[in-house]
């Protein structure tokens, strides 16, 4: 399954809530949810006036799709993460969400070094970050406790990274991360927990979907 390259605002409208896929635009009056809160498509406006019974399968599917879209993952990759979460000790749903939080592209986003997870994924893919002193371009890489992330020396000369400290300073960092804005670096202070996931997600529905 290829990666979705269409308007991401349609994804938010399809799920009926903000998924914060476009960074600062999501907080502005230009946000699609603010202007058109109904689903996309020819009959989208009409659907908000219909009373339809939502099946259990539909609720499970929508929750899985919403989570996958928030973290910008393909179906096969998301299912692989679920399989890994299933093999770990503890609650499968919580394992899945904390693993998603530990992805390198998500860590870059949560450190405030990118406006969205999609932008963070692009920056990582282009090789602008070092992990524990080594250049990496794998967005799905899982971070471990005490891992250190920093912008590569050669990338700091670019305009984007020169302006980044002032932008990142305005963004809040979760408790499980430590950030040095001036050095454009961060560290995994501790492993993330379920309470550290800021998205409105019901992981139990995802577990039920894959357990059918």
N, C-alpha and C. Protein backbone atom coordinates (compact mmCIF):
# COMPACT_ATOMS: atom_id res chain seq x y z
N UNK A 1 0.84 -1.18 0.00
CA UNK A 1 0.00 0.00 0.00
C UNK A 1 0.88 1.24 0.00
N UNK A 2 0.68 2.14 -0.97
CA UNK A 2 1.52 3.32 -1.10
C UNK A 2 1.12 4.37 -0.06
N UNK A 3 2.03 5.30 0.19
CA UNK A 3 1.76 6.36 1.17
C UNK A 3 0.78 7.37 0.60
N UNK A 4 -0.12 7.85 1.44
CA UNK A 4 -1.11 8.84 1.02
C UNK A 4 -0.42 10.17 0.75
N UNK A 5 -0.67 10.76 -0.42
CA UNK A 5 -0.03 12.01 -0.81
C UNK A 5 -1.05 13.11 -1.10
N UNK A 6 -2.33 12.87 -0.80
CA UNK A 6 -3.36 13.86 -1.03
C UNK A 6 -3.43 14.89 0.09
N UNK A 7 -4.46 15.75 0.08
CA UNK A 7 -4.62 16.77 1.12
C UNK A 7 -4.86 16.13 2.49
N UNK A 8 -3.97 16.40 3.43
CA UNK A 8 -4.09 15.75 4.74
C UNK A 8 -5.27 16.30 5.54
N UNK A 9 -5.73 17.50 5.19
CA UNK A 9 -6.89 18.05 5.91
C UNK A 9 -8.12 17.17 5.70
N UNK A 10 -8.17 16.47 4.57
CA UNK A 10 -9.29 15.55 4.33
C UNK A 10 -9.29 14.40 5.33
N UNK A 11 -8.10 14.02 5.78
CA UNK A 11 -8.01 12.93 6.75
C UNK A 11 -8.61 13.35 8.08
N UNK A 12 -8.35 14.60 8.47
CA UNK A 12 -8.94 15.11 9.72
C UNK A 12 -10.46 15.16 9.59
N UNK A 13 -10.94 15.63 8.46
CA UNK A 13 -12.39 15.72 8.26
C UNK A 13 -13.02 14.33 8.24
N UNK A 14 -12.32 13.36 7.69
CA UNK A 14 -12.85 12.00 7.65
C UNK A 14 -12.99 11.43 9.05
N UNK A 15 -12.05 11.75 9.94
CA UNK A 15 -12.11 11.24 11.30
C UNK A 15 -12.96 12.12 12.22
N UNK A 16 -13.32 13.30 11.74
CA UNK A 16 -14.19 14.18 12.51
C UNK A 16 -13.52 14.90 13.65
N UNK A 17 -12.19 14.99 13.62
CA UNK A 17 -11.46 15.71 14.66
C UNK A 17 -10.08 16.09 14.16
N UNK A 18 -9.46 17.01 14.87
CA UNK A 18 -8.13 17.46 14.46
C UNK A 18 -7.10 16.37 14.76
N UNK A 19 -6.30 16.05 13.76
CA UNK A 19 -5.21 15.10 13.94
C UNK A 19 -3.86 15.82 13.98
N UNK A 20 -3.89 17.14 13.81
CA UNK A 20 -2.68 17.99 13.86
C UNK A 20 -1.61 17.49 12.89
N UNK A 21 -2.01 17.39 11.63
CA UNK A 21 -1.11 16.89 10.60
C UNK A 21 -0.39 18.00 9.83
N UNK A 22 -0.80 19.28 10.05
CA UNK A 22 -0.21 20.37 9.28
C UNK A 22 0.42 21.45 10.17
N UNK A 23 0.82 21.07 11.35
CA UNK A 23 1.55 22.00 12.20
C UNK A 23 0.74 23.22 12.60
N UNK A 24 1.31 24.41 12.37
CA UNK A 24 0.71 25.66 12.82
C UNK A 24 -0.66 25.91 12.19
N UNK A 25 -0.89 25.42 10.99
CA UNK A 25 -2.17 25.64 10.31
C UNK A 25 -3.34 25.06 11.13
N UNK A 26 -3.08 23.99 11.85
CA UNK A 26 -4.13 23.35 12.64
C UNK A 26 -4.62 24.24 13.78
N UNK A 27 -3.82 25.23 14.17
CA UNK A 27 -4.19 26.13 15.25
C UNK A 27 -4.72 27.47 14.74
N UNK A 28 -4.87 27.57 13.42
CA UNK A 28 -5.33 28.81 12.81
C UNK A 28 -6.76 28.67 12.29
N UNK A 29 -7.42 29.78 11.95
CA UNK A 29 -8.77 29.72 11.39
C UNK A 29 -8.83 29.00 10.05
N UNK A 30 -7.67 28.75 9.43
CA UNK A 30 -7.63 28.06 8.14
C UNK A 30 -7.81 26.55 8.29
N UNK A 31 -7.81 26.07 9.51
CA UNK A 31 -7.97 24.63 9.74
C UNK A 31 -9.26 24.14 9.12
N UNK A 32 -9.19 23.03 8.39
CA UNK A 32 -10.35 22.50 7.67
C UNK A 32 -11.49 22.12 8.59
N UNK A 33 -11.17 21.62 9.78
CA UNK A 33 -12.21 21.22 10.73
C UNK A 33 -13.01 22.44 11.19
N UNK A 34 -12.33 23.58 11.32
CA UNK A 34 -13.01 24.80 11.74
C UNK A 34 -13.96 25.31 10.65
N UNK A 35 -13.58 25.11 9.40
CA UNK A 35 -14.38 25.66 8.29
C UNK A 35 -15.39 24.66 7.75
N UNK A 36 -15.01 23.37 7.73
CA UNK A 36 -15.90 22.34 7.20
C UNK A 36 -15.79 21.10 8.08
N UNK A 37 -16.65 21.03 9.06
CA UNK A 37 -16.55 19.95 10.04
C UNK A 37 -17.17 18.64 9.56
N UNK A 38 -17.75 18.64 8.37
CA UNK A 38 -18.37 17.43 7.84
C UNK A 38 -17.35 16.62 7.03
N UNK A 39 -17.61 15.32 6.81
CA UNK A 39 -16.67 14.48 6.06
C UNK A 39 -16.50 14.96 4.62
N UNK A 40 -15.36 14.66 4.00
CA UNK A 40 -15.15 15.05 2.60
C UNK A 40 -15.97 14.19 1.66
N UNK A 41 -16.11 14.64 0.43
CA UNK A 41 -16.85 13.86 -0.56
C UNK A 41 -18.15 14.53 -0.95
N UNK A 42 -18.76 13.98 -1.99
CA UNK A 42 -19.97 14.55 -2.56
C UNK A 42 -21.12 14.61 -1.56
N UNK A 43 -21.24 13.59 -0.73
CA UNK A 43 -22.36 13.53 0.21
C UNK A 43 -21.93 13.80 1.65
N UNK A 44 -20.75 14.40 1.81
CA UNK A 44 -20.23 14.64 3.14
C UNK A 44 -21.11 15.54 3.98
N UNK A 45 -21.60 16.64 3.39
CA UNK A 45 -22.43 17.57 4.14
C UNK A 45 -23.75 16.93 4.57
N UNK A 46 -24.29 16.07 3.70
CA UNK A 46 -25.56 15.43 4.01
C UNK A 46 -25.42 14.42 5.14
N UNK A 47 -24.26 13.78 5.22
CA UNK A 47 -24.07 12.70 6.19
C UNK A 47 -24.17 13.16 7.64
N UNK A 48 -23.87 14.46 7.88
CA UNK A 48 -23.91 14.93 9.26
C UNK A 48 -25.34 15.07 9.78
N UNK A 49 -26.32 15.03 8.88
CA UNK A 49 -27.72 15.12 9.30
C UNK A 49 -28.39 13.74 9.38
N UNK A 50 -27.66 12.70 8.97
CA UNK A 50 -28.22 11.35 9.01
C UNK A 50 -27.94 10.70 10.35
N UNK A 51 -28.89 9.94 10.81
CA UNK A 51 -28.69 9.16 12.03
C UNK A 51 -28.46 7.72 11.64
N UNK A 52 -27.20 7.31 11.73
CA UNK A 52 -26.85 5.96 11.33
C UNK A 52 -26.27 5.22 12.53
N UNK A 53 -26.65 3.97 12.65
CA UNK A 53 -26.10 3.15 13.72
C UNK A 53 -24.67 2.78 13.36
N UNK A 54 -23.75 3.06 14.26
CA UNK A 54 -22.33 2.77 14.03
C UNK A 54 -22.01 1.40 14.61
N UNK A 55 -21.54 0.50 13.78
CA UNK A 55 -21.24 -0.86 14.23
C UNK A 55 -19.93 -0.88 15.02
N UNK A 56 -19.72 -1.96 15.76
CA UNK A 56 -18.48 -2.13 16.51
C UNK A 56 -17.28 -2.16 15.57
N UNK A 57 -17.45 -2.84 14.45
CA UNK A 57 -16.35 -2.92 13.48
C UNK A 57 -15.98 -1.54 12.96
N UNK A 58 -16.98 -0.71 12.69
CA UNK A 58 -16.72 0.63 12.18
C UNK A 58 -15.94 1.45 13.20
N UNK A 59 -16.31 1.38 14.46
CA UNK A 59 -15.61 2.12 15.50
C UNK A 59 -14.17 1.63 15.65
N UNK A 60 -13.97 0.32 15.56
CA UNK A 60 -12.63 -0.23 15.66
C UNK A 60 -11.76 0.19 14.47
N UNK A 61 -12.34 0.14 13.29
CA UNK A 61 -11.60 0.52 12.08
C UNK A 61 -11.21 1.99 12.11
N UNK A 62 -12.15 2.85 12.49
CA UNK A 62 -11.89 4.28 12.51
C UNK A 62 -10.79 4.61 13.53
N UNK A 63 -10.78 3.93 14.67
CA UNK A 63 -9.75 4.20 15.68
C UNK A 63 -8.38 3.76 15.18
N UNK A 64 -8.35 2.62 14.50
CA UNK A 64 -7.08 2.15 13.94
C UNK A 64 -6.58 3.10 12.86
N UNK A 65 -7.47 3.53 11.98
CA UNK A 65 -7.10 4.45 10.91
C UNK A 65 -6.65 5.79 11.46
N UNK A 66 -7.34 6.27 12.49
CA UNK A 66 -6.96 7.55 13.09
C UNK A 66 -5.56 7.49 13.68
N UNK A 67 -5.27 6.42 14.40
CA UNK A 67 -3.95 6.27 15.01
C UNK A 67 -2.87 6.15 13.94
N UNK A 68 -3.15 5.38 12.92
CA UNK A 68 -2.18 5.20 11.84
C UNK A 68 -1.89 6.52 11.13
N UNK A 69 -2.92 7.33 10.95
CA UNK A 69 -2.75 8.61 10.27
C UNK A 69 -2.03 9.63 11.12
N UNK A 70 -2.28 9.61 12.42
CA UNK A 70 -1.59 10.54 13.31
C UNK A 70 -0.08 10.32 13.25
N UNK A 71 0.33 9.05 13.26
CA UNK A 71 1.76 8.74 13.25
C UNK A 71 2.32 8.56 11.83
N UNK A 72 1.48 8.72 10.81
CA UNK A 72 1.96 8.71 9.43
C UNK A 72 2.54 7.38 8.98
N UNK A 73 1.82 6.29 9.24
CA UNK A 73 2.35 4.97 8.93
C UNK A 73 1.49 4.24 7.90
N UNK A 74 2.12 3.37 7.14
CA UNK A 74 1.40 2.50 6.22
C UNK A 74 0.79 1.35 7.01
N UNK A 75 -0.19 0.70 6.40
CA UNK A 75 -0.91 -0.38 7.08
C UNK A 75 0.03 -1.53 7.45
N UNK A 76 0.87 -1.94 6.54
CA UNK A 76 1.76 -3.08 6.82
C UNK A 76 2.72 -2.76 7.96
N UNK A 77 3.24 -1.55 7.98
CA UNK A 77 4.15 -1.14 9.03
C UNK A 77 3.42 -1.05 10.37
N UNK A 78 2.21 -0.52 10.36
CA UNK A 78 1.43 -0.39 11.59
C UNK A 78 1.10 -1.76 12.16
N UNK A 79 0.74 -2.68 11.28
CA UNK A 79 0.43 -4.04 11.74
C UNK A 79 1.67 -4.71 12.33
N UNK A 80 2.83 -4.43 11.77
CA UNK A 80 4.06 -5.00 12.31
C UNK A 80 4.34 -4.46 13.71
N UNK A 81 4.06 -3.18 13.92
CA UNK A 81 4.21 -2.61 15.26
C UNK A 81 3.25 -3.28 16.23
N UNK A 82 2.04 -3.54 15.76
CA UNK A 82 1.06 -4.21 16.62
C UNK A 82 1.53 -5.62 16.99
N UNK A 83 2.08 -6.34 16.03
CA UNK A 83 2.57 -7.70 16.29
C UNK A 83 3.70 -7.68 17.32
N UNK A 84 4.58 -6.68 17.23
CA UNK A 84 5.65 -6.56 18.22
C UNK A 84 5.10 -6.23 19.60
N UNK A 85 4.07 -5.37 19.64
CA UNK A 85 3.45 -5.00 20.92
C UNK A 85 2.77 -6.21 21.55
N UNK A 86 2.22 -7.07 20.70
CA UNK A 86 1.52 -8.26 21.18
C UNK A 86 2.47 -9.24 21.87
N UNK A 87 3.72 -9.25 21.45
CA UNK A 87 4.70 -10.19 21.99
C UNK A 87 5.37 -9.68 23.28
N UNK A 88 5.12 -8.42 23.63
CA UNK A 88 5.74 -7.85 24.82
C UNK A 88 4.86 -8.06 26.05
N UNK A 89 5.44 -7.98 27.20
CA UNK A 89 4.69 -8.09 28.44
C UNK A 89 3.82 -6.85 28.63
N UNK A 90 2.71 -7.03 29.34
CA UNK A 90 1.86 -5.89 29.63
C UNK A 90 0.67 -5.82 28.68
N UNK A 91 -0.03 -4.68 28.74
CA UNK A 91 -1.20 -4.45 27.92
C UNK A 91 -0.79 -4.16 26.48
N UNK A 92 -1.34 -4.91 25.55
CA UNK A 92 -0.94 -4.78 24.14
C UNK A 92 -1.19 -3.37 23.62
N UNK A 93 -2.34 -2.79 23.93
CA UNK A 93 -2.66 -1.45 23.44
C UNK A 93 -1.70 -0.40 23.95
N UNK A 94 -1.38 -0.46 25.24
CA UNK A 94 -0.43 0.49 25.80
C UNK A 94 0.96 0.28 25.23
N UNK A 95 1.34 -0.97 25.04
CA UNK A 95 2.64 -1.26 24.42
C UNK A 95 2.73 -0.64 23.03
N UNK A 96 1.64 -0.74 22.27
CA UNK A 96 1.63 -0.20 20.92
C UNK A 96 1.82 1.31 20.93
N UNK A 97 1.06 2.01 21.76
CA UNK A 97 1.13 3.47 21.78
C UNK A 97 2.49 3.98 22.26
N UNK A 98 3.06 3.32 23.28
CA UNK A 98 4.37 3.76 23.77
C UNK A 98 5.47 3.46 22.75
N UNK A 99 5.32 2.39 21.97
CA UNK A 99 6.27 2.11 20.90
C UNK A 99 6.17 3.17 19.82
N UNK A 100 4.97 3.58 19.48
CA UNK A 100 4.79 4.63 18.47
C UNK A 100 5.41 5.95 18.94
N UNK A 101 5.30 6.23 20.23
CA UNK A 101 5.89 7.45 20.77
C UNK A 101 7.41 7.43 20.68
N UNK A 102 7.99 6.25 20.72
CA UNK A 102 9.45 6.12 20.72
C UNK A 102 10.05 6.15 19.33
N UNK A 103 9.24 6.21 18.31
CA UNK A 103 9.77 6.32 16.94
C UNK A 103 10.61 7.60 16.82
N UNK A 104 11.69 7.53 16.07
CA UNK A 104 12.59 8.67 15.95
C UNK A 104 11.88 9.90 15.39
N UNK A 105 11.04 9.72 14.36
CA UNK A 105 10.37 10.89 13.78
C UNK A 105 9.43 11.53 14.80
N UNK A 106 8.78 10.71 15.63
CA UNK A 106 7.90 11.27 16.66
C UNK A 106 8.70 11.99 17.74
N UNK A 107 9.87 11.45 18.10
CA UNK A 107 10.72 12.09 19.10
C UNK A 107 11.19 13.45 18.61
N UNK A 108 11.58 13.53 17.35
CA UNK A 108 12.00 14.81 16.76
C UNK A 108 10.85 15.81 16.82
N UNK A 109 9.64 15.35 16.51
CA UNK A 109 8.46 16.22 16.57
C UNK A 109 8.17 16.66 18.00
N UNK A 110 8.24 15.73 18.94
CA UNK A 110 7.92 16.04 20.32
C UNK A 110 8.98 16.94 20.98
N UNK A 111 10.19 16.92 20.44
CA UNK A 111 11.24 17.82 20.93
C UNK A 111 11.03 19.24 20.42
N UNK A 112 10.11 19.42 19.48
CA UNK A 112 9.85 20.74 18.92
C UNK A 112 10.74 21.10 17.76
N UNK A 113 11.45 20.11 17.19
CA UNK A 113 12.35 20.37 16.08
C UNK A 113 11.66 20.29 14.72
N UNK A 114 10.34 20.05 14.72
CA UNK A 114 9.55 20.00 13.49
C UNK A 114 8.12 20.41 13.81
N UNK A 115 7.43 20.99 12.84
CA UNK A 115 6.06 21.45 13.06
C UNK A 115 5.05 20.31 13.03
N UNK A 116 5.40 19.21 12.40
CA UNK A 116 4.49 18.07 12.30
C UNK A 116 5.32 16.80 12.22
N UNK A 117 4.66 15.67 12.40
CA UNK A 117 5.37 14.39 12.30
C UNK A 117 5.81 14.14 10.86
N UNK A 118 5.04 14.62 9.91
CA UNK A 118 5.42 14.45 8.50
C UNK A 118 6.71 15.22 8.20
N UNK A 119 6.82 16.44 8.72
CA UNK A 119 8.04 17.21 8.52
C UNK A 119 9.21 16.56 9.25
N UNK A 120 8.95 16.05 10.44
CA UNK A 120 10.01 15.36 11.20
C UNK A 120 10.51 14.14 10.44
N UNK A 121 9.57 13.39 9.84
CA UNK A 121 9.95 12.21 9.06
C UNK A 121 10.83 12.61 7.88
N UNK A 122 10.49 13.71 7.22
CA UNK A 122 11.28 14.17 6.08
C UNK A 122 12.68 14.59 6.51
N UNK A 123 12.78 15.31 7.64
CA UNK A 123 14.09 15.75 8.13
C UNK A 123 14.98 14.57 8.49
N UNK A 124 14.39 13.55 9.11
CA UNK A 124 15.16 12.36 9.47
C UNK A 124 15.60 11.62 8.21
N UNK A 125 14.67 11.46 7.27
CA UNK A 125 14.98 10.74 6.03
C UNK A 125 16.12 11.41 5.26
N UNK A 126 16.20 12.73 5.34
CA UNK A 126 17.25 13.47 4.65
C UNK A 126 18.57 13.48 5.42
N UNK A 127 18.59 12.80 6.57
CA UNK A 127 19.84 12.62 7.30
C UNK A 127 20.32 13.82 8.08
N UNK A 128 19.42 14.63 8.62
CA UNK A 128 19.81 15.83 9.36
C UNK A 128 20.08 15.57 10.84
N UNK A 129 19.87 14.33 11.31
CA UNK A 129 20.02 14.06 12.74
C UNK A 129 21.02 12.94 13.01
N UNK A 130 21.68 13.07 14.16
CA UNK A 130 22.54 12.03 14.69
C UNK A 130 21.86 11.40 15.91
N UNK A 131 21.97 10.11 16.04
CA UNK A 131 21.50 9.40 17.23
C UNK A 131 22.71 8.75 17.88
N UNK A 132 23.01 9.18 19.09
CA UNK A 132 24.20 8.68 19.81
C UNK A 132 25.46 8.89 18.99
N UNK A 133 25.52 10.04 18.31
CA UNK A 133 26.72 10.41 17.56
C UNK A 133 26.81 9.84 16.16
N UNK A 134 25.83 9.05 15.74
CA UNK A 134 25.88 8.45 14.41
C UNK A 134 24.71 8.95 13.56
N UNK A 135 25.00 9.28 12.34
CA UNK A 135 23.97 9.76 11.42
C UNK A 135 22.97 8.65 11.13
N UNK A 136 21.69 8.99 11.16
CA UNK A 136 20.66 7.99 10.86
C UNK A 136 19.58 8.61 10.01
N UNK A 137 19.00 7.80 9.15
CA UNK A 137 17.93 8.28 8.26
C UNK A 137 16.73 7.33 8.28
N UNK A 138 16.52 6.69 9.43
CA UNK A 138 15.43 5.72 9.59
C UNK A 138 14.39 6.29 10.54
N UNK A 139 13.28 6.84 10.02
CA UNK A 139 12.27 7.47 10.89
C UNK A 139 11.63 6.51 11.89
N UNK A 140 11.55 5.22 11.56
CA UNK A 140 10.88 4.25 12.43
C UNK A 140 11.78 3.69 13.51
N UNK A 141 13.02 4.14 13.59
CA UNK A 141 13.96 3.65 14.59
C UNK A 141 13.40 3.90 15.99
N UNK A 142 13.40 2.89 16.86
CA UNK A 142 12.87 3.02 18.22
C UNK A 142 13.96 3.51 19.17
N UNK A 143 13.66 4.60 19.85
CA UNK A 143 14.60 5.19 20.80
C UNK A 143 14.55 4.44 22.14
N UNK A 144 15.69 4.38 22.80
CA UNK A 144 15.81 3.75 24.10
C UNK A 144 16.19 4.79 25.16
N UNK A 145 16.04 4.43 26.42
CA UNK A 145 16.40 5.34 27.50
C UNK A 145 17.87 5.76 27.38
N UNK A 146 18.11 7.05 27.58
CA UNK A 146 19.44 7.68 27.53
C UNK A 146 19.97 7.87 26.11
N UNK A 147 19.20 7.52 25.09
CA UNK A 147 19.62 7.82 23.72
C UNK A 147 19.64 9.34 23.52
N UNK A 148 20.61 9.81 22.75
CA UNK A 148 20.76 11.25 22.50
C UNK A 148 20.55 11.54 21.02
N UNK A 149 19.77 12.59 20.77
CA UNK A 149 19.48 13.02 19.40
C UNK A 149 19.97 14.44 19.22
N UNK A 150 20.61 14.73 18.12
CA UNK A 150 21.10 16.08 17.86
C UNK A 150 21.10 16.36 16.36
N UNK A 151 20.98 17.64 16.02
CA UNK A 151 21.07 18.04 14.62
C UNK A 151 22.53 17.95 14.20
N UNK A 152 22.79 17.39 13.05
CA UNK A 152 24.16 17.22 12.56
C UNK A 152 24.82 18.57 12.34
N UNK A 153 26.13 18.62 12.55
CA UNK A 153 26.88 19.87 12.44
C UNK A 153 26.72 20.49 11.05
N UNK A 154 26.75 19.67 10.02
CA UNK A 154 26.64 20.20 8.66
C UNK A 154 25.27 20.78 8.35
N UNK A 155 24.24 20.31 9.08
CA UNK A 155 22.88 20.79 8.82
C UNK A 155 22.58 22.10 9.54
N UNK A 156 23.36 22.43 10.57
CA UNK A 156 23.10 23.64 11.35
C UNK A 156 23.27 24.92 10.53
N UNK A 157 23.98 24.83 9.42
CA UNK A 157 24.21 26.02 8.58
C UNK A 157 23.00 26.38 7.73
N UNK A 158 22.07 25.47 7.63
CA UNK A 158 20.88 25.72 6.82
C UNK A 158 19.96 26.70 7.53
N UNK A 159 19.23 27.48 6.74
CA UNK A 159 18.35 28.52 7.29
C UNK A 159 17.32 27.95 8.24
N UNK A 160 16.75 26.78 7.89
CA UNK A 160 15.72 26.17 8.74
C UNK A 160 16.23 25.94 10.15
N UNK A 161 17.44 25.40 10.27
CA UNK A 161 17.98 25.06 11.59
C UNK A 161 18.55 26.28 12.30
N UNK A 162 18.93 27.32 11.56
CA UNK A 162 19.38 28.56 12.20
C UNK A 162 18.22 29.23 12.93
N UNK A 163 17.04 29.15 12.36
CA UNK A 163 15.85 29.76 12.97
C UNK A 163 15.15 28.84 13.96
N UNK A 164 15.57 27.58 14.02
CA UNK A 164 14.86 26.58 14.82
C UNK A 164 14.86 26.84 16.32
N UNK A 165 15.98 27.30 16.93
CA UNK A 165 15.97 27.50 18.39
C UNK A 165 14.85 28.41 18.87
N UNK A 166 14.61 29.50 18.17
CA UNK A 166 13.56 30.44 18.57
C UNK A 166 12.18 29.81 18.45
N UNK A 167 11.99 28.99 17.42
CA UNK A 167 10.71 28.33 17.20
C UNK A 167 10.49 27.22 18.22
N UNK A 168 11.52 26.41 18.45
CA UNK A 168 11.40 25.28 19.38
C UNK A 168 11.18 25.74 20.81
N UNK A 169 11.70 26.91 21.15
CA UNK A 169 11.58 27.43 22.51
C UNK A 169 10.13 27.61 22.93
N UNK A 170 9.26 27.86 21.96
CA UNK A 170 7.84 28.11 22.26
C UNK A 170 7.04 26.82 22.44
N UNK A 171 7.65 25.67 22.18
CA UNK A 171 6.94 24.39 22.22
C UNK A 171 7.28 23.62 23.50
N UNK A 172 6.25 23.05 24.10
CA UNK A 172 6.42 22.30 25.34
C UNK A 172 6.95 20.89 25.06
N UNK A 173 7.85 20.44 25.90
CA UNK A 173 8.45 19.11 25.76
C UNK A 173 7.87 18.19 26.84
N UNK A 174 7.47 16.96 26.50
CA UNK A 174 6.94 16.03 27.51
C UNK A 174 7.99 15.65 28.54
N UNK A 175 7.52 15.15 29.68
CA UNK A 175 8.42 14.85 30.80
C UNK A 175 9.46 13.77 30.49
N UNK A 176 9.15 12.90 29.54
CA UNK A 176 10.08 11.80 29.28
C UNK A 176 11.24 12.20 28.36
N UNK A 177 11.23 13.48 27.94
CA UNK A 177 12.30 13.98 27.08
C UNK A 177 13.00 15.16 27.73
N UNK A 178 14.28 15.31 27.43
CA UNK A 178 15.06 16.47 27.83
C UNK A 178 15.57 17.16 26.57
N UNK A 179 15.57 18.49 26.58
CA UNK A 179 15.95 19.23 25.37
C UNK A 179 16.90 20.37 25.70
N UNK A 180 17.90 20.53 24.85
CA UNK A 180 18.79 21.68 24.90
C UNK A 180 18.60 22.45 23.60
N UNK A 181 17.83 23.54 23.67
CA UNK A 181 17.47 24.27 22.46
C UNK A 181 18.69 24.87 21.79
N UNK A 182 19.61 25.42 22.56
CA UNK A 182 20.77 26.08 21.98
C UNK A 182 21.67 25.10 21.22
N UNK A 183 21.75 23.87 21.73
CA UNK A 183 22.57 22.86 21.06
C UNK A 183 21.78 22.05 20.04
N UNK A 184 20.46 22.32 19.96
CA UNK A 184 19.57 21.56 19.07
C UNK A 184 19.74 20.05 19.32
N UNK A 185 19.63 19.70 20.58
CA UNK A 185 19.84 18.30 20.99
C UNK A 185 18.78 17.90 22.01
N UNK A 186 18.60 16.61 22.15
CA UNK A 186 17.65 16.09 23.12
C UNK A 186 18.08 14.73 23.61
N UNK A 187 17.44 14.28 24.69
CA UNK A 187 17.78 12.98 25.28
C UNK A 187 16.52 12.31 25.80
N UNK A 188 16.49 10.98 25.72
CA UNK A 188 15.38 10.21 26.25
C UNK A 188 15.62 10.03 27.75
N UNK A 189 14.94 10.84 28.56
CA UNK A 189 15.17 10.80 30.01
C UNK A 189 14.59 9.53 30.63
N UNK A 190 13.48 9.07 30.10
CA UNK A 190 12.85 7.83 30.58
C UNK A 190 11.95 7.30 29.49
N UNK A 191 11.52 6.08 29.61
CA UNK A 191 10.63 5.50 28.61
C UNK A 191 9.23 6.10 28.77
N UNK A 192 8.58 6.43 27.66
CA UNK A 192 7.24 7.02 27.74
C UNK A 192 6.21 6.05 28.29
N UNK A 193 5.21 6.59 28.96
CA UNK A 193 4.11 5.80 29.49
C UNK A 193 2.82 6.16 28.77
N UNK A 194 1.75 5.43 29.07
CA UNK A 194 0.47 5.69 28.40
C UNK A 194 0.00 7.12 28.61
N UNK A 195 0.23 7.66 29.79
CA UNK A 195 -0.22 9.02 30.10
C UNK A 195 0.54 10.08 29.31
N UNK A 196 1.67 9.71 28.70
CA UNK A 196 2.46 10.66 27.94
C UNK A 196 1.98 10.82 26.50
N UNK A 197 1.05 9.98 26.07
CA UNK A 197 0.50 10.07 24.72
C UNK A 197 -0.54 11.18 24.70
N UNK A 198 -0.29 12.24 23.93
CA UNK A 198 -1.17 13.41 23.97
C UNK A 198 -2.37 13.30 23.05
N UNK A 199 -2.41 12.32 22.19
CA UNK A 199 -3.53 12.17 21.25
C UNK A 199 -4.72 11.52 21.94
N UNK A 200 -5.92 11.83 21.46
CA UNK A 200 -7.15 11.25 21.99
C UNK A 200 -7.40 9.90 21.32
N UNK A 201 -6.83 8.84 21.91
CA UNK A 201 -6.89 7.53 21.29
C UNK A 201 -7.44 6.49 22.26
N UNK A 202 -8.17 5.51 21.70
CA UNK A 202 -8.67 4.39 22.48
C UNK A 202 -8.00 3.13 21.96
N UNK A 203 -6.91 2.76 22.60
CA UNK A 203 -6.10 1.64 22.11
C UNK A 203 -6.83 0.31 22.17
N UNK A 204 -7.82 0.18 23.07
CA UNK A 204 -8.55 -1.08 23.19
C UNK A 204 -9.31 -1.40 21.90
N UNK A 205 -9.81 -0.37 21.22
CA UNK A 205 -10.52 -0.60 19.96
C UNK A 205 -9.57 -1.13 18.88
N UNK A 206 -8.32 -0.68 18.93
CA UNK A 206 -7.33 -1.17 17.97
C UNK A 206 -7.04 -2.65 18.22
N UNK A 207 -6.91 -3.00 19.49
CA UNK A 207 -6.67 -4.40 19.86
C UNK A 207 -7.85 -5.26 19.40
N UNK A 208 -9.06 -4.77 19.61
CA UNK A 208 -10.25 -5.52 19.20
C UNK A 208 -10.29 -5.67 17.67
N UNK A 209 -9.85 -4.66 16.95
CA UNK A 209 -9.86 -4.73 15.48
C UNK A 209 -8.94 -5.85 14.99
N UNK A 210 -7.72 -5.90 15.52
CA UNK A 210 -6.77 -6.90 15.07
C UNK A 210 -7.02 -8.28 15.69
N UNK A 211 -7.90 -8.36 16.67
CA UNK A 211 -8.21 -9.64 17.30
C UNK A 211 -9.43 -10.32 16.69
N UNK A 212 -10.01 -9.72 15.67
CA UNK A 212 -11.20 -10.30 15.05
C UNK A 212 -10.90 -11.67 14.48
